[in-house]
Amino acid sequence: MDAVIDTVGSGSATANLSLLAHGGGIVSIAGRPDLTTVAPFTIAPSVHEIALGAAYSHGDRRALADLSTMLSALLGLAADGHLDPMPARTVKLEEVPAALGELSGRHVRGKPVHTFG
């Protein structure tokens, strides 16, 4: 697989490392994977940690209030159309594999987008 989003926990994220193709990415929401299980110079995973839970696990009311404020601001920007995902072009479904190849080679500026419907 080119990408995995793990929302279960660090054990699951660690197990999911074995699913990744060379250069694949894993997004971990509920606990980061144990990278010591990956043999050196093999799959070269890209690990992305979404640490929103840190504010909750810290137990600090101010951190929770800050997280709430940030989320409200982010949702407001999205609702008002002020977030720019940098779409470069719209691609047809059959063009998606080629567009992903371009992205993996980092030969594009912005993002090719496929819309459903």
PDB file of N, CA and C in Angstrom:
ATOM      1  N   MET A   1       0.834  -1.181   0.000  1.00  0.00           N
ATOM      2  CA  MET A   1       0.000   0.000   0.000  1.00  0.00           C
ATOM      3  C   MET A   1       0.872   1.236   0.000  1.00  0.00           C
ATOM      4  N   ASP A   2       0.376   2.264  -0.619  1.00  0.00           N
ATOM      5  CA  ASP A   2       1.115   3.518  -0.625  1.00  0.00           C
ATOM      6  C   ASP A   2       0.879   4.334   0.635  1.00  0.00           C
ATOM      7  N   ALA A   3      -0.309   4.148   1.260  1.00  0.00           N
ATOM      8  CA  ALA A   3      -0.629   4.944   2.433  1.00  0.00           C
ATOM      9  C   ALA A   3      -1.562   4.189   3.367  1.00  0.00           C
ATOM     10  N   VAL A   4      -1.382   4.437   4.666  1.00  0.00           N
ATOM     11  CA  VAL A   4      -2.239   3.865   5.698  1.00  0.00           C
ATOM     12  C   VAL A   4      -2.573   4.981   6.682  1.00  0.00           C
ATOM     13  N   ILE A   5      -3.839   5.056   7.066  1.00  0.00           N
ATOM     14  CA  ILE A   5      -4.244   5.946   8.149  1.00  0.00           C
ATOM     15  C   ILE A   5      -4.661   5.033   9.295  1.00  0.00           C
ATOM     16  N   ASP A   6      -3.924   5.116  10.407  1.00  0.00           N
ATOM     17  CA  ASP A   6      -4.224   4.254  11.545  1.00  0.00           C
ATOM     18  C   ASP A   6      -4.849   5.083  12.658  1.00  0.00           C
ATOM     19  N   THR A   7      -6.050   4.683  13.061  1.00  0.00           N
ATOM     20  CA  THR A   7      -6.766   5.384  14.128  1.00  0.00           C
ATOM     21  C   THR A   7      -6.940   4.516  15.361  1.00  0.00           C
ATOM     22  N   VAL A   8      -6.262   3.358  15.408  1.00  0.00           N
ATOM     23  CA  VAL A   8      -6.477   2.395  16.490  1.00  0.00           C
ATOM     24  C   VAL A   8      -5.484   2.589  17.629  1.00  0.00           C
ATOM     25  N   GLY A   9      -4.200   2.559  17.334  1.00  0.00           N
ATOM     26  CA  GLY A   9      -3.203   2.690  18.390  1.00  0.00           C
ATOM     27  C   GLY A   9      -1.816   2.332  17.891  1.00  0.00           C
ATOM     28  N   SER A  10      -0.830   2.449  18.766  1.00  0.00           N
ATOM     29  CA  SER A  10       0.549   2.227  18.342  1.00  0.00           C
ATOM     30  C   SER A  10       0.808   0.787  17.900  1.00  0.00           C
ATOM     31  N   GLY A  11       0.177  -0.194  18.558  1.00  0.00           N
ATOM     32  CA  GLY A  11       0.355  -1.588  18.134  1.00  0.00           C
ATOM     33  C   GLY A  11      -0.164  -1.817  16.730  1.00  0.00           C
ATOM     34  N   SER A  12      -1.320  -1.271  16.452  1.00  0.00           N
ATOM     35  CA  SER A  12      -1.910  -1.386  15.120  1.00  0.00           C
ATOM     36  C   SER A  12      -1.066  -0.637  14.088  1.00  0.00           C
ATOM     37  N   ALA A  13      -0.600   0.545  14.458  1.00  0.00           N
ATOM     38  CA  ALA A  13       0.245   1.323  13.540  1.00  0.00           C
ATOM     39  C   ALA A  13       1.527   0.573  13.227  1.00  0.00           C
ATOM     40  N   THR A  14       2.108  -0.069  14.246  1.00  0.00           N
ATOM     41  CA  THR A  14       3.322  -0.854  14.033  1.00  0.00           C
ATOM     42  C   THR A  14       3.049  -2.018  13.087  1.00  0.00           C
ATOM     43  N   ALA A  15       1.943  -2.718  13.300  1.00  0.00           N
ATOM     44  CA  ALA A  15       1.576  -3.829  12.412  1.00  0.00           C
ATOM     45  C   ALA A  15       1.338  -3.335  10.991  1.00  0.00           C
ATOM     46  N   ASN A  16       0.752  -2.149  10.860  1.00  0.00           N
ATOM     47  CA  ASN A  16       0.445  -1.614   9.537  1.00  0.00           C
ATOM     48  C   ASN A  16       1.683  -1.186   8.755  1.00  0.00           C
ATOM     49  N   LEU A  17       2.806  -1.025   9.425  1.00  0.00           N
ATOM     50  CA  LEU A  17       4.049  -0.713   8.702  1.00  0.00           C
ATOM     51  C   LEU A  17       4.368  -1.788   7.680  1.00  0.00           C
ATOM     52  N   SER A  18       4.031  -3.033   8.014  1.00  0.00           N
ATOM     53  CA  SER A  18       4.340  -4.139   7.106  1.00  0.00           C
ATOM     54  C   SER A  18       3.495  -4.092   5.832  1.00  0.00           C
ATOM     55  N   LEU A  19       2.440  -3.286   5.822  1.00  0.00           N
ATOM     56  CA  LEU A  19       1.582  -3.162   4.637  1.00  0.00           C
ATOM     57  C   LEU A  19       2.118  -2.158   3.624  1.00  0.00           C
ATOM     58  N   LEU A  20       3.056  -1.323   4.060  1.00  0.00           N
ATOM     59  CA  LEU A  20       3.512  -0.224   3.206  1.00  0.00           C
ATOM     60  C   LEU A  20       4.464  -0.668   2.107  1.00  0.00           C
ATOM     61  N   ALA A  21       4.260  -0.090   0.945  1.00  0.00           N
ATOM     62  CA  ALA A  21       5.219  -0.244  -0.150  1.00  0.00           C
ATOM     63  C   ALA A  21       6.429   0.638   0.153  1.00  0.00           C
ATOM     64  N   HIS A  22       7.510   0.441  -0.578  1.00  0.00           N
ATOM     65  CA  HIS A  22       8.691   1.275  -0.406  1.00  0.00           C
ATOM     66  C   HIS A  22       8.305   2.743  -0.565  1.00  0.00           C
ATOM     67  N   GLY A  23       8.677   3.556   0.406  1.00  0.00           N
ATOM     68  CA  GLY A  23       8.370   4.979   0.355  1.00  0.00           C
ATOM     69  C   GLY A  23       6.943   5.316   0.738  1.00  0.00           C
ATOM     70  N   GLY A  24       6.183   4.322   1.198  1.00  0.00           N
ATOM     71  CA  GLY A  24       4.802   4.567   1.588  1.00  0.00           C
ATOM     72  C   GLY A  24       4.711   5.393   2.856  1.00  0.00           C
ATOM     73  N   GLY A  25       3.533   5.922   3.110  1.00  0.00           N
ATOM     74  CA  GLY A  25       3.338   6.766   4.273  1.00  0.00           C
ATOM     75  C   GLY A  25       2.289   6.221   5.218  1.00  0.00           C
ATOM     76  N   ILE A  26       2.496   6.483   6.496  1.00  0.00           N
ATOM     77  CA  ILE A  26       1.511   6.114   7.502  1.00  0.00           C
ATOM     78  C   ILE A  26       1.181   7.348   8.333  1.00  0.00           C
ATOM     79  N   VAL A  27      -0.103   7.558   8.528  1.00  0.00           N
ATOM     80  CA  VAL A  27      -0.589   8.622   9.396  1.00  0.00           C
ATOM     81  C   VAL A  27      -1.107   7.950  10.650  1.00  0.00           C
ATOM     82  N   SER A  28      -0.599   8.380  11.784  1.00  0.00           N
ATOM     83  CA  SER A  28      -0.964   7.767  13.049  1.00  0.00           C
ATOM     84  C   SER A  28      -1.683   8.790  13.915  1.00  0.00           C
ATOM     85  N   ILE A  29      -2.889   8.426  14.332  1.00  0.00           N
ATOM     86  CA  ILE A  29      -3.702   9.346  15.117  1.00  0.00           C
ATOM     87  C   ILE A  29      -3.714   8.967  16.591  1.00  0.00           C
ATOM     88  N   ALA A  30      -3.683   7.674  16.905  1.00  0.00           N
ATOM     89  CA  ALA A  30      -3.859   7.227  18.285  1.00  0.00           C
ATOM     90  C   ALA A  30      -2.590   6.651  18.911  1.00  0.00           C
ATOM     91  N   GLY A  31      -1.466   6.778  18.269  1.00  0.00           N
ATOM     92  CA  GLY A  31      -0.204   6.274  18.802  1.00  0.00           C
ATOM     93  C   GLY A  31       0.759   5.999  17.675  1.00  0.00           C
ATOM     94  N   ARG A  32       1.988   6.414  17.835  1.00  0.00           N
ATOM     95  CA  ARG A  32       2.956   6.258  16.740  1.00  0.00           C
ATOM     96  C   ARG A  32       3.491   4.828  16.671  1.00  0.00           C
ATOM     97  N   PRO A  33       3.848   4.402  15.462  1.00  0.00           N
ATOM     98  CA  PRO A  33       4.368   3.039  15.298  1.00  0.00           C
ATOM     99  C   PRO A  33       5.781   2.917  15.863  1.00  0.00           C
ATOM    100  N   ASP A  34       6.158   1.690  16.177  1.00  0.00           N
ATOM    101  CA  ASP A  34       7.506   1.384  16.636  1.00  0.00           C
ATOM    102  C   ASP A  34       8.372   1.163  15.401  1.00  0.00           C
ATOM    103  N   LEU A  35       9.160   2.157  15.057  1.00  0.00           N
ATOM    104  CA  LEU A  35       9.965   2.084  13.838  1.00  0.00           C
ATOM    105  C   LEU A  35      11.145   1.133  13.959  1.00  0.00           C
ATOM    106  N   THR A  36      11.437   0.655  15.169  1.00  0.00           N
ATOM    107  CA  THR A  36      12.531  -0.309  15.308  1.00  0.00           C
ATOM    108  C   THR A  36      12.176  -1.649  14.668  1.00  0.00           C
ATOM    109  N   THR A  37      10.900  -1.849  14.338  1.00  0.00           N
ATOM    110  CA  THR A  37      10.487  -3.088  13.678  1.00  0.00           C
ATOM    111  C   THR A  37      10.780  -3.073  12.178  1.00  0.00           C
ATOM    112  N   VAL A  38      11.158  -1.920  11.659  1.00  0.00           N
ATOM    113  CA  VAL A  38      11.463  -1.792  10.235  1.00  0.00           C
ATOM    114  C   VAL A  38      12.967  -1.987  10.047  1.00  0.00           C
ATOM    115  N   ALA A  39      13.330  -2.980   9.259  1.00  0.00           N
ATOM    116  CA  ALA A  39      14.752  -3.217   8.988  1.00  0.00           C
ATOM    117  C   ALA A  39      15.339  -2.007   8.255  1.00  0.00           C
ATOM    118  N   PRO A  40      16.552  -1.586   8.634  1.00  0.00           N
ATOM    119  CA  PRO A  40      17.173  -0.438   7.979  1.00  0.00           C
ATOM    120  C   PRO A  40      17.284  -0.629   6.461  1.00  0.00           C
ATOM    121  N   PHE A  41      17.085   0.452   5.742  1.00  0.00           N
ATOM    122  CA  PHE A  41      17.240   0.498   4.289  1.00  0.00           C
ATOM    123  C   PHE A  41      16.285  -0.443   3.560  1.00  0.00           C
ATOM    124  N   THR A  42      15.057  -0.546   4.069  1.00  0.00           N
ATOM    125  CA  THR A  42      14.072  -1.398   3.406  1.00  0.00           C
ATOM    126  C   THR A  42      12.934  -0.551   2.857  1.00  0.00           C
ATOM    127  N   ILE A  43      11.861  -0.364   3.607  1.00  0.00           N
ATOM    128  CA  ILE A  43      10.689   0.297   3.038  1.00  0.00           C
ATOM    129  C   ILE A  43      10.742   1.821   3.088  1.00  0.00           C
ATOM    130  N   ALA A  44      11.622   2.411   3.904  1.00  0.00           N
ATOM    131  CA  ALA A  44      11.759   3.863   4.012  1.00  0.00           C
ATOM    132  C   ALA A  44      10.406   4.552   4.199  1.00  0.00           C
ATOM    133  N   PRO A  45       9.698   4.224   5.303  1.00  0.00           N
ATOM    134  CA  PRO A  45       8.364   4.784   5.485  1.00  0.00           C
ATOM    135  C   PRO A  45       8.394   6.269   5.836  1.00  0.00           C
ATOM    136  N   SER A  46       7.349   6.955   5.449  1.00  0.00           N
ATOM    137  CA  SER A  46       7.142   8.338   5.837  1.00  0.00           C
ATOM    138  C   SER A  46       6.088   8.314   6.944  1.00  0.00           C
ATOM    139  N   VAL A  47       6.445   8.778   8.140  1.00  0.00           N
ATOM    140  CA  VAL A  47       5.563   8.693   9.300  1.00  0.00           C
ATOM    141  C   VAL A  47       5.051  10.084   9.652  1.00  0.00           C
ATOM    142  N   HIS A  48       3.740  10.186   9.751  1.00  0.00           N
ATOM    143  CA  HIS A  48       3.106  11.458  10.093  1.00  0.00           C
ATOM    144  C   HIS A  48       2.245  11.245  11.328  1.00  0.00           C
ATOM    145  N   GLU A  49       2.485  12.043  12.339  1.00  0.00           N
ATOM    146  CA  GLU A  49       1.758  11.915  13.596  1.00  0.00           C
ATOM    147  C   GLU A  49       0.782  13.079  13.731  1.00  0.00           C
ATOM    148  N   ILE A  50      -0.471  12.758  13.957  1.00  0.00           N
ATOM    149  CA  ILE A  50      -1.466  13.785  14.235  1.00  0.00           C
ATOM    150  C   ILE A  50      -1.637  13.809  15.743  1.00  0.00           C
ATOM    151  N   ALA A  51      -1.156  14.857  16.374  1.00  0.00           N
ATOM    152  CA  ALA A  51      -1.050  14.888  17.826  1.00  0.00           C
ATOM    153  C   ALA A  51      -2.153  15.688  18.509  1.00  0.00           C
ATOM    154  N   LEU A  52      -3.333  15.724  17.932  1.00  0.00           N
ATOM    155  CA  LEU A  52      -4.418  16.440  18.586  1.00  0.00           C
ATOM    156  C   LEU A  52      -4.723  15.850  19.946  1.00  0.00           C
ATOM    157  N   GLY A  53      -4.547  14.557  20.101  1.00  0.00           N
ATOM    158  CA  GLY A  53      -4.830  13.903  21.366  1.00  0.00           C
ATOM    159  C   GLY A  53      -3.947  14.383  22.500  1.00  0.00           C
ATOM    160  N   ALA A  54      -2.804  14.995  22.190  1.00  0.00           N
ATOM    161  CA  ALA A  54      -1.908  15.459  23.243  1.00  0.00           C
ATOM    162  C   ALA A  54      -2.599  16.486  24.126  1.00  0.00           C
ATOM    163  N   ALA A  55      -3.413  17.340  23.541  1.00  0.00           N
ATOM    164  CA  ALA A  55      -4.126  18.340  24.334  1.00  0.00           C
ATOM    165  C   ALA A  55      -5.110  17.663  25.278  1.00  0.00           C
ATOM    166  N   TYR A  56      -5.737  16.584  24.812  1.00  0.00           N
ATOM    167  CA  TYR A  56      -6.692  15.878  25.660  1.00  0.00           C
ATOM    168  C   TYR A  56      -5.993  15.081  26.747  1.00  0.00           C
ATOM    169  N   SER A  57      -4.922  14.399  26.416  1.00  0.00           N
ATOM    170  CA  SER A  57      -4.253  13.560  27.407  1.00  0.00           C
ATOM    171  C   SER A  57      -3.500  14.386  28.436  1.00  0.00           C
ATOM    172  N   HIS A  58      -3.154  15.612  28.104  1.00  0.00           N
ATOM    173  CA  HIS A  58      -2.437  16.463  29.043  1.00  0.00           C
ATOM    174  C   HIS A  58      -3.333  16.861  30.207  1.00  0.00           C
ATOM    175  N   GLY A  59      -4.629  17.012  29.948  1.00  0.00           N
ATOM    176  CA  GLY A  59      -5.571  17.318  31.015  1.00  0.00           C
ATOM    177  C   GLY A  59      -5.635  18.773  31.404  1.00  0.00           C
ATOM    178  N   ASP A  60      -4.948  19.629  30.683  1.00  0.00           N
ATOM    179  CA  ASP A  60      -4.917  21.054  30.973  1.00  0.00           C
ATOM    180  C   ASP A  60      -6.114  21.723  30.305  1.00  0.00           C
ATOM    181  N   ARG A  61      -6.940  22.401  31.069  1.00  0.00           N
ATOM    182  CA  ARG A  61      -8.133  23.058  30.507  1.00  0.00           C
ATOM    183  C   ARG A  61      -7.765  24.112  29.468  1.00  0.00           C
ATOM    184  N   ARG A  62      -6.667  24.793  29.686  1.00  0.00           N
ATOM    185  CA  ARG A  62      -6.255  25.818  28.724  1.00  0.00           C
ATOM    186  C   ARG A  62      -5.879  25.179  27.382  1.00  0.00           C
ATOM    187  N   ALA A  63      -5.202  24.028  27.434  1.00  0.00           N
ATOM    188  CA  ALA A  63      -4.857  23.331  26.198  1.00  0.00           C
ATOM    189  C   ALA A  63      -6.118  22.893  25.460  1.00  0.00           C
ATOM    190  N   LEU A  64      -7.119  22.413  26.207  1.00  0.00           N
ATOM    191  CA  LEU A  64      -8.388  22.022  25.592  1.00  0.00           C
ATOM    192  C   LEU A  64      -9.089  23.223  24.963  1.00  0.00           C
ATOM    193  N   ALA A  65      -9.061  24.349  25.650  1.00  0.00           N
ATOM    194  CA  ALA A  65      -9.682  25.562  25.112  1.00  0.00           C
ATOM    195  C   ALA A  65      -8.948  26.023  23.854  1.00  0.00           C
ATOM    196  N   ASP A  66      -7.605  25.952  23.862  1.00  0.00           N
ATOM    197  CA  ASP A  66      -6.824  26.333  22.682  1.00  0.00           C
ATOM    198  C   ASP A  66      -7.146  25.428  21.499  1.00  0.00           C
ATOM    199  N   LEU A  67      -7.260  24.123  21.767  1.00  0.00           N
ATOM    200  CA  LEU A  67      -7.586  23.180  20.701  1.00  0.00           C
ATOM    201  C   LEU A  67      -8.961  23.480  20.119  1.00  0.00           C
ATOM    202  N   SER A  68      -9.895  23.780  20.981  1.00  0.00           N
ATOM    203  CA  SER A  68     -11.249  24.120  20.536  1.00  0.00           C
ATOM    204  C   SER A  68     -11.236  25.391  19.685  1.00  0.00           C
ATOM    205  N   THR A  69     -10.464  26.383  20.103  1.00  0.00           N
ATOM    206  CA  THR A  69     -10.357  27.640  19.362  1.00  0.00           C
ATOM    207  C   THR A  69      -9.729  27.401  17.986  1.00  0.00           C
ATOM    208  N   MET A  70      -8.669  26.595  17.955  1.00  0.00           N
ATOM    209  CA  MET A  70      -8.002  26.312  16.678  1.00  0.00           C
ATOM    210  C   MET A  70      -8.926  25.558  15.731  1.00  0.00           C
ATOM    211  N   LEU A  71      -9.657  24.583  16.250  1.00  0.00           N
ATOM    212  CA  LEU A  71     -10.563  23.819  15.407  1.00  0.00           C
ATOM    213  C   LEU A  71     -11.680  24.705  14.877  1.00  0.00           C
ATOM    214  N   SER A  72     -12.222  25.558  15.721  1.00  0.00           N
ATOM    215  CA  SER A  72     -13.281  26.475  15.280  1.00  0.00           C
ATOM    216  C   SER A  72     -12.769  27.397  14.175  1.00  0.00           C
ATOM    217  N   ALA A  73     -11.555  27.910  14.347  1.00  0.00           N
ATOM    218  CA  ALA A  73     -10.972  28.788  13.327  1.00  0.00           C
ATOM    219  C   ALA A  73     -10.748  28.027  12.024  1.00  0.00           C
ATOM    220  N   LEU A  74     -10.228  26.797  12.115  1.00  0.00           N
ATOM    221  CA  LEU A  74      -9.986  25.992  10.926  1.00  0.00           C
ATOM    222  C   LEU A  74     -11.289  25.682  10.189  1.00  0.00           C
ATOM    223  N   LEU A  75     -12.326  25.292  10.950  1.00  0.00           N
ATOM    224  CA  LEU A  75     -13.622  25.014  10.328  1.00  0.00           C
ATOM    225  C   LEU A  75     -14.207  26.263   9.689  1.00  0.00           C
ATOM    226  N   GLY A  76     -14.017  27.410  10.318  1.00  0.00           N
ATOM    227  CA  GLY A  76     -14.490  28.667   9.739  1.00  0.00           C
ATOM    228  C   GLY A  76     -13.792  28.987   8.427  1.00  0.00           C
ATOM    229  N   LEU A  77     -12.481  28.792   8.383  1.00  0.00           N
ATOM    230  CA  LEU A  77     -11.727  29.025   7.146  1.00  0.00           C
ATOM    231  C   LEU A  77     -12.197  28.091   6.036  1.00  0.00           C
ATOM    232  N   ALA A  78     -12.429  26.821   6.392  1.00  0.00           N
ATOM    233  CA  ALA A  78     -12.907  25.856   5.401  1.00  0.00           C
ATOM    234  C   ALA A  78     -14.294  26.241   4.900  1.00  0.00           C
ATOM    235  N   ALA A  79     -15.183  26.609   5.814  1.00  0.00           N
ATOM    236  CA  ALA A  79     -16.555  26.966   5.435  1.00  0.00           C
ATOM    237  C   ALA A  79     -16.595  28.212   4.563  1.00  0.00           C
ATOM    238  N   ASP A  80     -15.674  29.143   4.799  1.00  0.00           N
ATOM    239  CA  ASP A  80     -15.645  30.393   4.032  1.00  0.00           C
ATOM    240  C   ASP A  80     -14.856  30.275   2.732  1.00  0.00           C
ATOM    241  N   GLY A  81     -14.276  29.095   2.485  1.00  0.00           N
ATOM    242  CA  GLY A  81     -13.518  28.886   1.245  1.00  0.00           C
ATOM    243  C   GLY A  81     -12.160  29.544   1.244  1.00  0.00           C
ATOM    244  N   HIS A  82     -11.577  29.789   2.427  1.00  0.00           N
ATOM    245  CA  HIS A  82     -10.286  30.466   2.505  1.00  0.00           C
ATOM    246  C   HIS A  82      -9.092  29.522   2.578  1.00  0.00           C
ATOM    247  N   LEU A  83      -9.338  28.218   2.627  1.00  0.00           N
ATOM    248  CA  LEU A  83      -8.226  27.269   2.614  1.00  0.00           C
ATOM    249  C   LEU A  83      -7.921  26.915   1.167  1.00  0.00           C
ATOM    250  N   ASP A  84      -6.678  27.023   0.803  1.00  0.00           N
ATOM    251  CA  ASP A  84      -6.283  26.740  -0.568  1.00  0.00           C
ATOM    252  C   ASP A  84      -5.495  25.433  -0.618  1.00  0.00           C
ATOM    253  N   PRO A  85      -6.103  24.341  -1.076  1.00  0.00           N
ATOM    254  CA  PRO A  85      -5.383  23.072  -1.163  1.00  0.00           C
ATOM    255  C   PRO A  85      -4.415  23.032  -2.342  1.00  0.00           C
ATOM    256  N   MET A  86      -4.293  24.133  -3.061  1.00  0.00           N
ATOM    257  CA  MET A  86      -3.409  24.259  -4.214  1.00  0.00           C
ATOM    258  C   MET A  86      -3.719  23.249  -5.316  1.00  0.00           C
ATOM    259  N   PRO A  87      -4.988  23.102  -5.700  1.00  0.00           N
ATOM    260  CA  PRO A  87      -5.244  22.185  -6.816  1.00  0.00           C
ATOM    261  C   PRO A  87      -4.601  22.725  -8.090  1.00  0.00           C
ATOM    262  N   ALA A  88      -3.839  21.888  -8.752  1.00  0.00           N
ATOM    263  CA  ALA A  88      -3.174  22.302  -9.982  1.00  0.00           C
ATOM    264  C   ALA A  88      -4.056  22.039 -11.197  1.00  0.00           C
ATOM    265  N   ARG A  89      -4.760  20.913 -11.144  1.00  0.00           N
ATOM    266  CA  ARG A  89      -5.639  20.562 -12.258  1.00  0.00           C
ATOM    267  C   ARG A  89      -6.585  19.455 -11.820  1.00  0.00           C
ATOM    268  N   THR A  90      -7.659  19.306 -12.519  1.00  0.00           N
ATOM    269  CA  THR A  90      -8.603  18.225 -12.278  1.00  0.00           C
ATOM    270  C   THR A  90      -8.273  17.094 -13.242  1.00  0.00           C
ATOM    271  N   VAL A  91      -8.217  15.870 -12.706  1.00  0.00           N
ATOM    272  CA  VAL A  91      -7.884  14.716 -13.544  1.00  0.00           C
ATOM    273  C   VAL A  91      -9.059  13.757 -13.597  1.00  0.00           C
ATOM    274  N   LYS A  92      -9.163  13.057 -14.713  1.00  0.00           N
ATOM    275  CA  LYS A  92     -10.183  12.016 -14.864  1.00  0.00           C
ATOM    276  C   LYS A  92      -9.748  10.785 -14.072  1.00  0.00           C
ATOM    277  N   LEU A  93     -10.693   9.919 -13.739  1.00  0.00           N
ATOM    278  CA  LEU A  93     -10.394   8.746 -12.935  1.00  0.00           C
ATOM    279  C   LEU A  93      -9.263   7.909 -13.548  1.00  0.00           C
ATOM    280  N   GLU A  94      -9.284   7.737 -14.851  1.00  0.00           N
ATOM    281  CA  GLU A  94      -8.243   6.926 -15.486  1.00  0.00           C
ATOM    282  C   GLU A  94      -6.872   7.611 -15.469  1.00  0.00           C
ATOM    283  N   GLU A  95      -6.838   8.903 -15.167  1.00  0.00           N
ATOM    284  CA  GLU A  95      -5.576   9.645 -15.093  1.00  0.00           C
ATOM    285  C   GLU A  95      -4.981   9.662 -13.684  1.00  0.00           C
ATOM    286  N   VAL A  96      -5.738   9.173 -12.705  1.00  0.00           N
ATOM    287  CA  VAL A  96      -5.285   9.217 -11.314  1.00  0.00           C
ATOM    288  C   VAL A  96      -3.957   8.485 -11.112  1.00  0.00           C
ATOM    289  N   PRO A  97      -3.755   7.263 -11.631  1.00  0.00           N
ATOM    290  CA  PRO A  97      -2.459   6.598 -11.411  1.00  0.00           C
ATOM    291  C   PRO A  97      -1.273   7.412 -11.925  1.00  0.00           C
ATOM    292  N   ALA A  98      -1.411   8.010 -13.091  1.00  0.00           N
ATOM    293  CA  ALA A  98      -0.318   8.820 -13.630  1.00  0.00           C
ATOM    294  C   ALA A  98      -0.087  10.060 -12.768  1.00  0.00           C
ATOM    295  N   ALA A  99      -1.173  10.668 -12.299  1.00  0.00           N
ATOM    296  CA  ALA A  99      -1.053  11.858 -11.448  1.00  0.00           C
ATOM    297  C   ALA A  99      -0.366  11.514 -10.129  1.00  0.00           C
ATOM    298  N   LEU A 100      -0.692  10.337  -9.558  1.00  0.00           N
ATOM    299  CA  LEU A 100      -0.018   9.906  -8.332  1.00  0.00           C
ATOM    300  C   LEU A 100       1.464   9.656  -8.578  1.00  0.00           C
ATOM    301  N   GLY A 101       1.781   9.132  -9.754  1.00  0.00           N
ATOM    302  CA  GLY A 101       3.184   8.942 -10.118  1.00  0.00           C
ATOM    303  C   GLY A 101       3.934  10.262 -10.179  1.00  0.00           C
ATOM    304  N   GLU A 102       3.296  11.279 -10.733  1.00  0.00           N
ATOM    305  CA  GLU A 102       3.904  12.612 -10.786  1.00  0.00           C
ATOM    306  C   GLU A 102       4.123  13.157  -9.376  1.00  0.00           C
ATOM    307  N   LEU A 103       3.116  12.959  -8.515  1.00  0.00           N
ATOM    308  CA  LEU A 103       3.252  13.430  -7.128  1.00  0.00           C
ATOM    309  C   LEU A 103       4.397  12.735  -6.419  1.00  0.00           C
ATOM    310  N   SER A 104       4.499  11.418  -6.602  1.00  0.00           N
ATOM    311  CA  SER A 104       5.549  10.673  -5.910  1.00  0.00           C
ATOM    312  C   SER A 104       6.934  11.096  -6.374  1.00  0.00           C
ATOM    313  N   GLY A 105       7.027  11.535  -7.612  1.00  0.00           N
ATOM    314  CA  GLY A 105       8.298  12.024  -8.131  1.00  0.00           C
ATOM    315  C   GLY A 105       8.542  13.484  -7.829  1.00  0.00           C
ATOM    316  N   ARG A 106       7.574  14.113  -7.181  1.00  0.00           N
ATOM    317  CA  ARG A 106       7.656  15.534  -6.811  1.00  0.00           C
ATOM    318  C   ARG A 106       7.911  16.426  -8.020  1.00  0.00           C
ATOM    319  N   HIS A 107       7.238  16.091  -9.132  1.00  0.00           N
ATOM    320  CA  HIS A 107       7.413  16.861 -10.355  1.00  0.00           C
ATOM    321  C   HIS A 107       6.230  17.776 -10.645  1.00  0.00           C
ATOM    322  N   VAL A 108       5.438  18.074  -9.634  1.00  0.00           N
ATOM    323  CA  VAL A 108       4.282  18.945  -9.834  1.00  0.00           C
ATOM    324  C   VAL A 108       4.272  20.029  -8.777  1.00  0.00           C
ATOM    325  N   ARG A 109       3.631  21.104  -9.109  1.00  0.00           N
ATOM    326  CA  ARG A 109       3.377  22.163  -8.135  1.00  0.00           C
ATOM    327  C   ARG A 109       1.874  22.138  -7.894  1.00  0.00           C
ATOM    328  N   GLY A 110       1.470  22.073  -6.655  1.00  0.00           N
ATOM    329  CA  GLY A 110       0.057  21.951  -6.354  1.00  0.00           C
ATOM    330  C   GLY A 110      -0.352  20.498  -6.376  1.00  0.00           C
ATOM    331  N   LYS A 111      -1.639  20.261  -6.452  1.00  0.00           N
ATOM    332  CA  LYS A 111      -2.161  18.903  -6.374  1.00  0.00           C
ATOM    333  C   LYS A 111      -3.114  18.604  -7.519  1.00  0.00           C
ATOM    334  N   PRO A 112      -2.935  17.466  -8.184  1.00  0.00           N
ATOM    335  CA  PRO A 112      -3.969  17.038  -9.119  1.00  0.00           C
ATOM    336  C   PRO A 112      -5.161  16.543  -8.307  1.00  0.00           C
ATOM    337  N   VAL A 113      -6.355  16.862  -8.746  1.00  0.00           N
ATOM    338  CA  VAL A 113      -7.563  16.540  -7.995  1.00  0.00           C
ATOM    339  C   VAL A 113      -8.537  15.780  -8.873  1.00  0.00           C
ATOM    340  N   HIS A 114      -9.094  14.708  -8.323  1.00  0.00           N
ATOM    341  CA  HIS A 114     -10.179  14.002  -8.993  1.00  0.00           C
ATOM    342  C   HIS A 114     -11.443  14.250  -8.194  1.00  0.00           C
ATOM    343  N   THR A 115     -12.481  14.730  -8.852  1.00  0.00           N
ATOM    344  CA  THR A 115     -13.743  14.961  -8.158  1.00  0.00           C
ATOM    345  C   THR A 115     -14.722  13.879  -8.561  1.00  0.00           C
ATOM    346  N   PHE A 116     -15.516  13.447  -7.624  1.00  0.00           N
ATOM    347  CA  PHE A 116     -16.515  12.411  -7.887  1.00  0.00           C
ATOM    348  C   PHE A 116     -17.824  13.067  -8.245  1.00  0.00           C
ATOM    349  N   GLY A 117     -18.554  12.409  -9.143  1.00  0.00           N
ATOM    350  CA  GLY A 117     -19.884  12.919  -9.462  1.00  0.00           C
ATOM    351  C   GLY A 117     -20.022  13.461 -10.852  1.00  0.00           C
TER     352      GLY A 117
END
